[in-house]
Amino acid sequence: MNIPKFLFHYYEIEQGPFKNITDNTFEEAKNIQNNISVGFNSKRPPNYTELRFALEKRLKNEFISKGGKPKRENPFYFTLGECNWLKSCYHTPGVVKIPLDNFKSEQISFTYPDSMVSFQFFDEPKLKKYKKEYNGKVFVRQEMETVIKKYGIPRENIWMTNEEMKYDRYIEAQVWDDYILKDYLK
């Protein structure tokens, strides 16, 4: 199975692309999250901000341990391949599509599925029903062909009909440098 050729970044049009809540102070991030009132992102748990800050430190450390060279404290989030479901997270969704080959391997990591979901399933015994072998892991570009051959690519017809797969909606890509993104802000 081939690796998708594009990364997709979904965002709220009013806010613009390439924003990360953790680029703010903790208090500012908490305030931003508390003021989201529409879309899927408004339904996050009360401790979301704490979880997000902690997870990003963990993602970065795992990425570095695999040879990653992040140039940002926090990543920008993409999906490997398209995921139309993510549009439901935003009141007025926008999307940026960028060829995967435009990114340097040492500046991009992956989780299967979404990083918050992946690590929560790995960490929480009460979620063992959904836990998979690939949860709680950070992958680098060189590993993705093997990962996709072994586990496939999340598909809507599978996560919509299979209870154990309902959270495996996409492979997340974390971009740790904004060198290529500046071209897409125009």
N, C-alpha and C. Protein backbone atom coordinates (compact mmCIF):
# COMPACT_ATOMS: atom_id res chain seq x y z
N MET A 1 0.85 -1.18 0.00
CA MET A 1 0.00 0.00 0.00
C MET A 1 0.89 1.24 0.00
N ASN A 2 0.52 2.22 -0.79
CA ASN A 2 1.32 3.43 -0.92
C ASN A 2 0.99 4.46 0.15
N ILE A 3 1.98 5.25 0.49
CA ILE A 3 1.78 6.38 1.40
C ILE A 3 1.04 7.47 0.64
N PRO A 4 0.01 8.07 1.24
CA PRO A 4 -0.64 9.21 0.57
C PRO A 4 0.39 10.28 0.21
N LYS A 5 0.16 10.96 -0.87
CA LYS A 5 1.14 11.92 -1.40
C LYS A 5 0.96 13.33 -0.86
N PHE A 6 -0.13 13.57 -0.12
CA PHE A 6 -0.40 14.91 0.38
C PHE A 6 -0.72 14.93 1.87
N LEU A 7 -0.34 16.03 2.50
CA LEU A 7 -0.76 16.33 3.87
C LEU A 7 -1.87 17.37 3.77
N PHE A 8 -2.85 17.25 4.67
CA PHE A 8 -3.97 18.19 4.71
C PHE A 8 -4.01 18.85 6.08
N HIS A 9 -4.16 20.16 6.08
CA HIS A 9 -4.27 20.93 7.31
C HIS A 9 -5.65 21.57 7.34
N TYR A 10 -6.45 21.21 8.34
CA TYR A 10 -7.80 21.75 8.49
C TYR A 10 -7.77 22.84 9.56
N TYR A 11 -8.55 23.89 9.34
CA TYR A 11 -8.50 25.03 10.25
C TYR A 11 -9.79 25.84 10.16
N GLU A 12 -9.97 26.73 11.11
CA GLU A 12 -11.09 27.67 11.12
C GLU A 12 -10.71 28.86 10.25
N ILE A 13 -11.49 29.11 9.19
CA ILE A 13 -11.14 30.18 8.24
C ILE A 13 -10.95 31.52 8.92
N GLU A 14 -11.80 31.85 9.86
CA GLU A 14 -11.70 33.15 10.55
C GLU A 14 -10.35 33.32 11.26
N GLN A 15 -9.79 32.22 11.75
CA GLN A 15 -8.52 32.27 12.48
C GLN A 15 -7.30 32.14 11.56
N GLY A 16 -7.49 31.51 10.42
CA GLY A 16 -6.38 31.28 9.50
C GLY A 16 -5.66 29.98 9.80
N PRO A 17 -4.86 29.51 8.86
CA PRO A 17 -4.17 28.24 9.03
C PRO A 17 -2.93 28.36 9.92
N PHE A 18 -2.43 27.21 10.29
CA PHE A 18 -1.16 27.07 11.01
C PHE A 18 -1.16 27.81 12.34
N LYS A 19 -2.16 27.53 13.12
CA LYS A 19 -2.25 28.04 14.49
C LYS A 19 -2.17 26.83 15.41
N ASN A 20 -1.54 27.03 16.53
CA ASN A 20 -1.49 25.97 17.54
C ASN A 20 -1.79 26.64 18.87
N ILE A 21 -2.75 26.09 19.57
CA ILE A 21 -3.17 26.67 20.84
C ILE A 21 -2.01 26.75 21.83
N THR A 22 -1.05 25.85 21.72
CA THR A 22 0.08 25.83 22.66
C THR A 22 1.20 26.81 22.27
N ASP A 23 0.99 27.58 21.23
CA ASP A 23 1.92 28.68 20.94
C ASP A 23 1.66 29.85 21.89
N ASN A 24 0.59 29.74 22.65
CA ASN A 24 0.21 30.75 23.65
C ASN A 24 0.68 30.28 25.03
N THR A 25 0.59 31.17 26.01
CA THR A 25 0.84 30.73 27.39
C THR A 25 -0.28 29.77 27.78
N PHE A 26 -0.07 29.05 28.85
CA PHE A 26 -1.07 28.10 29.31
C PHE A 26 -2.40 28.80 29.58
N GLU A 27 -2.37 29.92 30.27
CA GLU A 27 -3.60 30.64 30.61
C GLU A 27 -4.31 31.16 29.35
N GLU A 28 -3.53 31.68 28.41
CA GLU A 28 -4.13 32.15 27.16
C GLU A 28 -4.77 30.99 26.39
N ALA A 29 -4.07 29.86 26.36
CA ALA A 29 -4.58 28.69 25.66
C ALA A 29 -5.88 28.20 26.30
N LYS A 30 -5.90 28.17 27.61
CA LYS A 30 -7.11 27.73 28.32
C LYS A 30 -8.27 28.67 28.01
N ASN A 31 -8.01 29.95 27.98
CA ASN A 31 -9.05 30.94 27.66
C ASN A 31 -9.56 30.75 26.23
N ILE A 32 -8.65 30.54 25.29
CA ILE A 32 -9.05 30.30 23.90
C ILE A 32 -9.94 29.08 23.81
N GLN A 33 -9.50 27.98 24.43
CA GLN A 33 -10.29 26.74 24.39
C GLN A 33 -11.66 26.95 25.03
N ASN A 34 -11.72 27.63 26.14
CA ASN A 34 -12.99 27.85 26.83
C ASN A 34 -13.96 28.72 26.04
N ASN A 35 -13.45 29.48 25.08
CA ASN A 35 -14.30 30.36 24.29
C ASN A 35 -14.71 29.78 22.94
N ILE A 36 -14.32 28.53 22.66
CA ILE A 36 -14.78 27.87 21.44
C ILE A 36 -16.18 27.34 21.71
N SER A 37 -17.16 27.83 20.96
CA SER A 37 -18.54 27.49 21.26
C SER A 37 -19.26 26.70 20.17
N VAL A 38 -18.62 26.51 19.02
CA VAL A 38 -19.25 25.74 17.95
C VAL A 38 -18.28 24.72 17.40
N GLY A 39 -18.83 23.69 16.78
CA GLY A 39 -18.02 22.65 16.16
C GLY A 39 -17.53 21.62 17.17
N PHE A 40 -16.92 20.59 16.64
CA PHE A 40 -16.43 19.49 17.45
C PHE A 40 -15.43 19.96 18.52
N ASN A 41 -14.61 20.96 18.18
CA ASN A 41 -13.60 21.44 19.11
C ASN A 41 -14.19 22.08 20.36
N SER A 42 -15.47 22.44 20.32
CA SER A 42 -16.12 23.02 21.50
C SER A 42 -16.49 21.94 22.52
N LYS A 43 -16.37 20.69 22.15
CA LYS A 43 -16.79 19.58 23.01
C LYS A 43 -15.61 18.89 23.71
N ARG A 44 -14.48 19.52 23.73
CA ARG A 44 -13.30 18.92 24.36
C ARG A 44 -13.47 18.88 25.87
N PRO A 45 -12.79 17.94 26.54
CA PRO A 45 -12.92 17.82 28.00
C PRO A 45 -12.31 19.02 28.72
N PRO A 46 -12.72 19.26 29.96
CA PRO A 46 -12.23 20.42 30.72
C PRO A 46 -10.70 20.44 30.87
N ASN A 47 -10.06 19.29 30.88
CA ASN A 47 -8.61 19.23 31.06
C ASN A 47 -7.86 19.16 29.73
N TYR A 48 -8.51 19.51 28.65
CA TYR A 48 -7.89 19.42 27.33
C TYR A 48 -6.58 20.21 27.24
N THR A 49 -6.57 21.43 27.73
CA THR A 49 -5.38 22.27 27.62
C THR A 49 -4.19 21.63 28.33
N GLU A 50 -4.42 21.11 29.53
CA GLU A 50 -3.35 20.43 30.27
C GLU A 50 -2.84 19.23 29.48
N LEU A 51 -3.78 18.45 28.96
CA LEU A 51 -3.40 17.26 28.18
C LEU A 51 -2.60 17.65 26.94
N ARG A 52 -3.04 18.69 26.24
CA ARG A 52 -2.37 19.11 25.01
C ARG A 52 -0.93 19.55 25.27
N PHE A 53 -0.72 20.39 26.29
CA PHE A 53 0.65 20.84 26.60
C PHE A 53 1.55 19.65 26.97
N ALA A 54 1.06 18.76 27.80
CA ALA A 54 1.85 17.59 28.21
C ALA A 54 2.14 16.68 27.03
N LEU A 55 1.14 16.46 26.19
CA LEU A 55 1.32 15.58 25.05
C LEU A 55 2.35 16.13 24.07
N GLU A 56 2.32 17.42 23.84
CA GLU A 56 3.28 17.97 22.88
C GLU A 56 4.72 17.84 23.35
N LYS A 57 4.95 17.92 24.64
CA LYS A 57 6.30 17.67 25.16
C LYS A 57 6.70 16.22 24.90
N ARG A 58 5.76 15.34 25.13
CA ARG A 58 6.01 13.90 24.92
C ARG A 58 6.26 13.62 23.44
N LEU A 59 5.43 14.17 22.56
CA LEU A 59 5.62 13.98 21.12
C LEU A 59 7.01 14.45 20.69
N LYS A 60 7.38 15.63 21.16
CA LYS A 60 8.68 16.21 20.77
C LYS A 60 9.83 15.33 21.25
N ASN A 61 9.77 14.89 22.50
CA ASN A 61 10.84 14.03 23.04
C ASN A 61 10.94 12.71 22.27
N GLU A 62 9.80 12.10 21.96
CA GLU A 62 9.81 10.83 21.19
C GLU A 62 10.39 11.07 19.79
N PHE A 63 9.99 12.18 19.18
CA PHE A 63 10.47 12.51 17.85
C PHE A 63 11.98 12.71 17.86
N ILE A 64 12.50 13.45 18.82
CA ILE A 64 13.94 13.67 18.93
C ILE A 64 14.67 12.35 19.14
N SER A 65 14.10 11.47 19.95
CA SER A 65 14.74 10.17 20.21
C SER A 65 14.85 9.31 18.95
N LYS A 66 14.06 9.64 17.93
CA LYS A 66 14.10 8.90 16.67
C LYS A 66 14.87 9.67 15.59
N GLY A 67 15.58 10.70 15.99
CA GLY A 67 16.39 11.46 15.05
C GLY A 67 15.74 12.72 14.51
N GLY A 68 14.55 13.05 14.98
CA GLY A 68 13.88 14.26 14.53
C GLY A 68 14.62 15.50 14.99
N LYS A 69 14.49 16.56 14.22
CA LYS A 69 15.17 17.82 14.52
C LYS A 69 14.14 18.96 14.50
N PRO A 70 13.30 19.02 15.52
CA PRO A 70 12.27 20.06 15.53
C PRO A 70 12.87 21.46 15.62
N LYS A 71 12.28 22.37 14.88
CA LYS A 71 12.69 23.77 14.93
C LYS A 71 11.62 24.63 15.58
N ARG A 72 10.56 23.99 16.06
CA ARG A 72 9.48 24.66 16.79
C ARG A 72 9.29 23.93 18.12
N GLU A 73 8.80 24.66 19.11
CA GLU A 73 8.46 24.02 20.38
C GLU A 73 7.28 23.09 20.21
N ASN A 74 6.31 23.51 19.39
CA ASN A 74 5.06 22.78 19.21
C ASN A 74 4.81 22.60 17.72
N PRO A 75 4.20 21.49 17.36
CA PRO A 75 3.99 21.23 15.93
C PRO A 75 2.73 21.90 15.37
N PHE A 76 2.65 21.91 14.06
CA PHE A 76 1.41 22.18 13.36
C PHE A 76 0.86 20.81 12.97
N TYR A 77 -0.46 20.68 13.00
CA TYR A 77 -1.09 19.38 12.79
C TYR A 77 -1.70 19.25 11.41
N PHE A 78 -1.45 18.11 10.81
CA PHE A 78 -1.95 17.75 9.48
C PHE A 78 -2.49 16.32 9.54
N THR A 79 -3.12 15.92 8.46
CA THR A 79 -3.44 14.51 8.29
C THR A 79 -2.65 14.00 7.09
N LEU A 80 -2.29 12.74 7.15
CA LEU A 80 -1.63 12.09 6.01
C LEU A 80 -2.75 11.57 5.12
N GLY A 81 -3.00 12.27 4.04
CA GLY A 81 -4.17 11.98 3.22
C GLY A 81 -5.36 12.79 3.72
N GLU A 82 -6.41 12.79 2.95
CA GLU A 82 -7.60 13.59 3.24
C GLU A 82 -8.46 12.95 4.33
N CYS A 83 -9.11 13.79 5.13
CA CYS A 83 -10.07 13.33 6.13
C CYS A 83 -11.20 14.36 6.23
N ASN A 84 -12.23 14.17 5.43
CA ASN A 84 -13.32 15.13 5.38
C ASN A 84 -14.05 15.27 6.71
N TRP A 85 -14.02 14.25 7.56
CA TRP A 85 -14.67 14.33 8.86
C TRP A 85 -14.12 15.51 9.68
N LEU A 86 -12.84 15.82 9.53
CA LEU A 86 -12.24 16.90 10.32
C LEU A 86 -12.87 18.26 10.06
N LYS A 87 -13.52 18.42 8.95
CA LYS A 87 -14.20 19.69 8.68
C LYS A 87 -15.28 19.96 9.72
N SER A 88 -15.82 18.90 10.34
CA SER A 88 -16.87 19.07 11.35
C SER A 88 -16.32 19.68 12.65
N CYS A 89 -15.02 19.76 12.77
CA CYS A 89 -14.42 20.35 13.96
C CYS A 89 -14.48 21.87 13.94
N TYR A 90 -14.84 22.44 12.81
CA TYR A 90 -14.78 23.88 12.64
C TYR A 90 -16.11 24.44 12.18
N HIS A 91 -16.40 25.65 12.63
CA HIS A 91 -17.62 26.33 12.21
C HIS A 91 -17.58 26.62 10.71
N THR A 92 -16.47 27.22 10.25
CA THR A 92 -16.26 27.48 8.83
C THR A 92 -14.89 26.91 8.47
N PRO A 93 -14.87 25.66 8.02
CA PRO A 93 -13.59 24.99 7.80
C PRO A 93 -12.86 25.44 6.55
N GLY A 94 -11.55 25.48 6.68
CA GLY A 94 -10.66 25.69 5.56
C GLY A 94 -9.69 24.52 5.49
N VAL A 95 -9.04 24.36 4.37
CA VAL A 95 -8.08 23.26 4.24
C VAL A 95 -6.91 23.72 3.36
N VAL A 96 -5.73 23.29 3.76
CA VAL A 96 -4.51 23.51 2.97
C VAL A 96 -3.98 22.12 2.63
N LYS A 97 -3.64 21.92 1.37
CA LYS A 97 -3.12 20.64 0.88
C LYS A 97 -1.69 20.87 0.39
N ILE A 98 -0.76 20.12 0.96
CA ILE A 98 0.66 20.30 0.63
C ILE A 98 1.27 18.93 0.30
N PRO A 99 2.03 18.83 -0.78
CA PRO A 99 2.69 17.55 -1.08
C PRO A 99 3.61 17.11 0.06
N LEU A 100 3.50 15.87 0.44
CA LEU A 100 4.34 15.31 1.50
C LEU A 100 5.82 15.49 1.17
N ASP A 101 6.18 15.34 -0.08
CA ASP A 101 7.58 15.45 -0.48
C ASP A 101 8.16 16.84 -0.28
N ASN A 102 7.32 17.84 -0.02
CA ASN A 102 7.83 19.19 0.25
C ASN A 102 8.44 19.32 1.63
N PHE A 103 8.20 18.33 2.49
CA PHE A 103 8.68 18.40 3.87
C PHE A 103 9.96 17.58 4.05
N LYS A 104 10.87 18.12 4.84
CA LYS A 104 12.09 17.40 5.20
C LYS A 104 11.73 16.30 6.20
N SER A 105 12.30 15.14 6.03
CA SER A 105 11.98 13.99 6.90
C SER A 105 12.26 14.28 8.36
N GLU A 106 13.32 15.03 8.64
CA GLU A 106 13.67 15.28 10.05
C GLU A 106 12.79 16.35 10.68
N GLN A 107 11.82 16.89 9.94
CA GLN A 107 10.93 17.93 10.45
C GLN A 107 9.48 17.46 10.57
N ILE A 108 9.23 16.17 10.39
CA ILE A 108 7.85 15.69 10.42
C ILE A 108 7.77 14.34 11.14
N SER A 109 6.77 14.23 12.00
CA SER A 109 6.50 12.98 12.70
C SER A 109 5.04 12.59 12.47
N PHE A 110 4.70 11.38 12.87
CA PHE A 110 3.35 10.86 12.63
C PHE A 110 2.87 10.08 13.86
N THR A 111 1.57 10.09 14.06
CA THR A 111 0.93 9.20 15.03
C THR A 111 -0.25 8.55 14.33
N TYR A 112 -0.60 7.37 14.81
CA TYR A 112 -1.71 6.61 14.24
C TYR A 112 -2.63 6.23 15.38
N PRO A 113 -3.80 6.82 15.47
CA PRO A 113 -4.40 7.89 14.69
C PRO A 113 -3.96 9.25 15.25
N ASP A 114 -4.92 10.13 15.49
CA ASP A 114 -4.70 11.43 16.12
C ASP A 114 -3.84 11.27 17.37
N SER A 115 -2.91 12.17 17.61
CA SER A 115 -1.98 12.02 18.73
C SER A 115 -2.68 11.97 20.09
N MET A 116 -3.69 12.81 20.31
CA MET A 116 -4.40 12.78 21.60
C MET A 116 -5.07 11.43 21.79
N VAL A 117 -5.72 10.95 20.77
CA VAL A 117 -6.40 9.65 20.83
C VAL A 117 -5.39 8.53 21.04
N SER A 118 -4.34 8.53 20.25
CA SER A 118 -3.33 7.48 20.30
C SER A 118 -2.72 7.33 21.69
N PHE A 119 -2.34 8.44 22.29
CA PHE A 119 -1.69 8.37 23.60
C PHE A 119 -2.68 8.12 24.73
N GLN A 120 -3.90 8.60 24.60
CA GLN A 120 -4.90 8.29 25.63
C GLN A 120 -5.22 6.80 25.64
N PHE A 121 -5.35 6.19 24.47
CA PHE A 121 -5.61 4.76 24.41
C PHE A 121 -4.43 3.97 24.97
N PHE A 122 -3.23 4.44 24.73
CA PHE A 122 -2.04 3.78 25.23
C PHE A 122 -1.95 3.88 26.76
N ASP A 123 -2.30 5.04 27.30
CA ASP A 123 -2.12 5.32 28.73
C ASP A 123 -3.26 4.85 29.62
N GLU A 124 -4.47 4.86 29.11
CA GLU A 124 -5.65 4.64 29.95
C GLU A 124 -6.16 3.20 29.91
N PRO A 125 -6.02 2.47 31.01
CA PRO A 125 -6.51 1.09 31.03
C PRO A 125 -8.01 0.98 30.72
N LYS A 126 -8.80 1.98 31.11
CA LYS A 126 -10.24 1.92 30.87
C LYS A 126 -10.59 2.01 29.38
N LEU A 127 -9.61 2.38 28.55
CA LEU A 127 -9.84 2.48 27.11
C LEU A 127 -9.24 1.31 26.34
N LYS A 128 -8.91 0.23 27.04
CA LYS A 128 -8.21 -0.89 26.40
C LYS A 128 -8.99 -1.51 25.24
N LYS A 129 -10.30 -1.33 25.24
CA LYS A 129 -11.13 -1.84 24.14
C LYS A 129 -10.67 -1.26 22.80
N TYR A 130 -10.17 -0.04 22.83
CA TYR A 130 -9.78 0.65 21.60
C TYR A 130 -8.28 0.62 21.35
N LYS A 131 -7.51 0.17 22.32
CA LYS A 131 -6.05 0.20 22.22
C LYS A 131 -5.55 -0.74 21.12
N LYS A 132 -4.61 -0.20 20.33
CA LYS A 132 -3.99 -0.98 19.25
C LYS A 132 -2.48 -0.96 19.44
N GLU A 133 -1.82 -1.82 18.74
CA GLU A 133 -0.36 -1.94 18.81
C GLU A 133 0.34 -0.63 18.46
N TYR A 134 -0.25 0.16 17.58
CA TYR A 134 0.40 1.39 17.13
C TYR A 134 0.12 2.59 18.02
N ASN A 135 -0.73 2.46 19.02
CA ASN A 135 -1.03 3.59 19.91
C ASN A 135 0.15 3.91 20.81
N GLY A 136 0.27 5.19 21.14
CA GLY A 136 1.32 5.64 22.04
C GLY A 136 2.70 5.68 21.42
N LYS A 137 2.75 5.66 20.09
CA LYS A 137 4.04 5.67 19.39
C LYS A 137 4.11 6.86 18.44
N VAL A 138 5.32 7.36 18.29
CA VAL A 138 5.61 8.38 17.30
C VAL A 138 6.41 7.70 16.19
N PHE A 139 6.00 7.96 14.97
CA PHE A 139 6.68 7.38 13.81
C PHE A 139 7.36 8.47 13.02
N VAL A 140 8.47 8.12 12.37
CA VAL A 140 9.15 9.05 11.47
C VAL A 140 8.83 8.63 10.03
N ARG A 141 9.15 9.51 9.11
CA ARG A 141 8.79 9.30 7.70
C ARG A 141 9.26 7.94 7.18
N GLN A 142 10.48 7.55 7.55
CA GLN A 142 11.05 6.30 7.05
C GLN A 142 10.25 5.08 7.51
N GLU A 143 9.47 5.21 8.57
CA GLU A 143 8.69 4.09 9.09
C GLU A 143 7.29 4.00 8.49
N MET A 144 6.85 5.04 7.82
CA MET A 144 5.44 5.10 7.44
C MET A 144 5.03 4.06 6.41
N GLU A 145 5.88 3.72 5.48
CA GLU A 145 5.51 2.69 4.51
C GLU A 145 5.24 1.36 5.21
N THR A 146 6.10 1.00 6.16
CA THR A 146 5.91 -0.23 6.93
C THR A 146 4.64 -0.16 7.77
N VAL A 147 4.41 0.97 8.42
CA VAL A 147 3.22 1.15 9.26
C VAL A 147 1.95 0.99 8.42
N ILE A 148 1.93 1.63 7.26
CA ILE A 148 0.74 1.57 6.40
C ILE A 148 0.55 0.17 5.82
N LYS A 149 1.64 -0.49 5.46
CA LYS A 149 1.51 -1.87 4.96
C LYS A 149 0.92 -2.78 6.03
N LYS A 150 1.34 -2.58 7.27
CA LYS A 150 0.89 -3.44 8.37
C LYS A 150 -0.53 -3.12 8.83
N TYR A 151 -0.88 -1.84 8.94
CA TYR A 151 -2.16 -1.45 9.54
C TYR A 151 -3.15 -0.84 8.55
N GLY A 152 -2.70 -0.51 7.37
CA GLY A 152 -3.58 0.14 6.40
C GLY A 152 -3.76 1.62 6.71
N ILE A 153 -4.60 2.24 5.92
CA ILE A 153 -4.92 3.65 6.10
C ILE A 153 -6.35 3.72 6.64
N PRO A 154 -6.60 4.53 7.65
CA PRO A 154 -7.97 4.63 8.17
C PRO A 154 -8.95 4.99 7.05
N ARG A 155 -10.08 4.31 7.07
CA ARG A 155 -11.12 4.52 6.06
C ARG A 155 -12.46 4.74 6.74
N GLU A 156 -13.22 5.67 6.19
CA GLU A 156 -14.51 6.02 6.79
C GLU A 156 -15.44 4.82 6.89
N ASN A 157 -15.49 3.98 5.86
CA ASN A 157 -16.38 2.82 5.91
C ASN A 157 -16.01 1.84 7.02
N ILE A 158 -14.77 1.89 7.48
CA ILE A 158 -14.35 1.01 8.58
C ILE A 158 -14.64 1.68 9.93
N TRP A 159 -14.21 2.92 10.13
CA TRP A 159 -14.42 3.54 11.44
C TRP A 159 -15.88 3.87 11.70
N MET A 160 -16.70 3.94 10.66
CA MET A 160 -18.13 4.21 10.87
C MET A 160 -18.90 2.93 11.24
N THR A 161 -18.34 1.76 10.92
CA THR A 161 -19.08 0.51 11.11
C THR A 161 -18.45 -0.44 12.12
N ASN A 162 -17.22 -0.18 12.54
CA ASN A 162 -16.51 -1.09 13.44
C ASN A 162 -16.23 -0.36 14.76
N GLU A 163 -16.89 -0.79 15.83
CA GLU A 163 -16.80 -0.12 17.14
C GLU A 163 -15.35 0.05 17.61
N GLU A 164 -14.50 -0.98 17.45
CA GLU A 164 -13.12 -0.89 17.92
C GLU A 164 -12.28 0.10 17.09
N MET A 165 -12.75 0.45 15.91
CA MET A 165 -11.99 1.32 15.02
C MET A 165 -12.57 2.74 14.93
N LYS A 166 -13.59 3.03 15.72
CA LYS A 166 -14.32 4.29 15.52
C LYS A 166 -13.50 5.56 15.77
N TYR A 167 -12.37 5.45 16.44
CA TYR A 167 -11.53 6.62 16.67
C TYR A 167 -10.32 6.68 15.74
N ASP A 168 -10.15 5.67 14.94
CA ASP A 168 -9.02 5.61 14.00
C ASP A 168 -9.44 6.24 12.68
N ARG A 169 -9.53 7.56 12.66
CA ARG A 169 -10.10 8.26 11.51
C ARG A 169 -9.04 8.78 10.54
N TYR A 170 -7.82 8.93 11.00
CA TYR A 170 -6.76 9.43 10.13
C TYR A 170 -5.42 9.19 10.79
N ILE A 171 -4.38 9.30 10.00
CA ILE A 171 -3.01 9.31 10.49
C ILE A 171 -2.64 10.78 10.61
N GLU A 172 -2.18 11.16 11.80
CA GLU A 172 -1.82 12.56 12.04
C GLU A 172 -0.36 12.77 11.70
N ALA A 173 -0.07 13.91 11.09
CA ALA A 173 1.31 14.34 10.83
C ALA A 173 1.57 15.59 11.65
N GLN A 174 2.69 15.61 12.34
CA GLN A 174 3.11 16.78 13.10
C GLN A 174 4.29 17.42 12.38
N VAL A 175 4.12 18.67 11.99
CA VAL A 175 5.17 19.40 11.28
C VAL A 175 5.87 20.31 12.29
N TRP A 176 7.19 20.12 12.42
CA TRP A 176 7.99 20.78 13.46
C TRP A 176 8.83 21.93 12.93
N ASP A 177 8.48 22.47 11.80
CA ASP A 177 9.19 23.61 11.22
C ASP A 177 8.19 24.34 10.34
N ASP A 178 8.32 25.65 10.26
CA ASP A 178 7.37 26.40 9.44
C ASP A 178 7.97 26.91 8.14
N TYR A 179 9.14 26.37 7.74
CA TYR A 179 9.82 26.86 6.54
C TYR A 179 8.95 26.73 5.29
N ILE A 180 8.25 25.65 5.11
CA ILE A 180 7.43 25.45 3.91
C ILE A 180 6.06 26.12 4.05
N LEU A 181 5.60 26.28 5.27
CA LEU A 181 4.25 26.78 5.49
C LEU A 181 4.09 28.24 5.11
N LYS A 182 5.16 28.99 5.18
CA LYS A 182 5.09 30.42 4.85
C LYS A 182 4.58 30.64 3.43
N ASP A 183 4.92 29.72 2.52
CA ASP A 183 4.45 29.83 1.13
C ASP A 183 2.93 29.68 1.03
N TYR A 184 2.32 29.03 2.00
CA TYR A 184 0.88 28.76 1.96
C TYR A 184 0.07 29.78 2.73
N LEU A 185 0.72 30.73 3.35
CA LEU A 185 0.01 31.78 4.07
C LEU A 185 -0.41 32.92 3.15
N LYS A 186 0.09 32.92 1.93
CA LYS A 186 -0.20 34.00 0.99
C LYS A 186 -1.60 33.85 0.42
